[in-house]
Amino acid sequence: MKARKNIINEDTIHRQIVGWLNAALPPDSVLHHSPNEGKRHVNFQAKLKALGCKWGWPDIEIFVPISHWRAETQPAGIFLEVKSAAGKVSLAQADRHVELYGAGQHVAVVKNLGQVRNFLHPLIALNEDKPKAQMAWAIAEASIDGR
């Protein structure tokens, strides 16, 4: 019998990221997820489009007060596209990322919590030393290790 790989799905990674961000982001930051993925009835899709929904919009949006940006960085919106280890960016997502880059936003495709931290660290001052942030990181690592 073949050994099964312990692959973590995108929802689990997304939850780990949001849990850590809720603790590690600077005060007064705003974090949001727009649930525009999944299958929907064609009429509901048409309604969403008419209301301004953009297919391929990144999973997580972050807005950070200017006072918490690193001096060498241009403050802007931060957008994270969460993927599993085997996940691929769709054409709609790639198009949306190009649009956001063109509008001067910070965009990254991330597959784990370490990639999120590495992307954010040069941009903003994180509260990684807060006990809640450390606990969220430890919980995420434990779920990866299967502990």
Foldseek 3Di string as FASTA:
>chain_A
DDDDDPWDFQVLQVVLQVQLCVQWADPPKDKDADPPDDDDDPVVVVVCVVVPDQPLFAGMKMAHPPVFWDPVADHDIEGEHEGTPPDDRDPSNVVVVVVCVVVVYHYDYDHHNVVVCVSCVNTGRIRCVPPSNVVSVVVRVCVVVVD
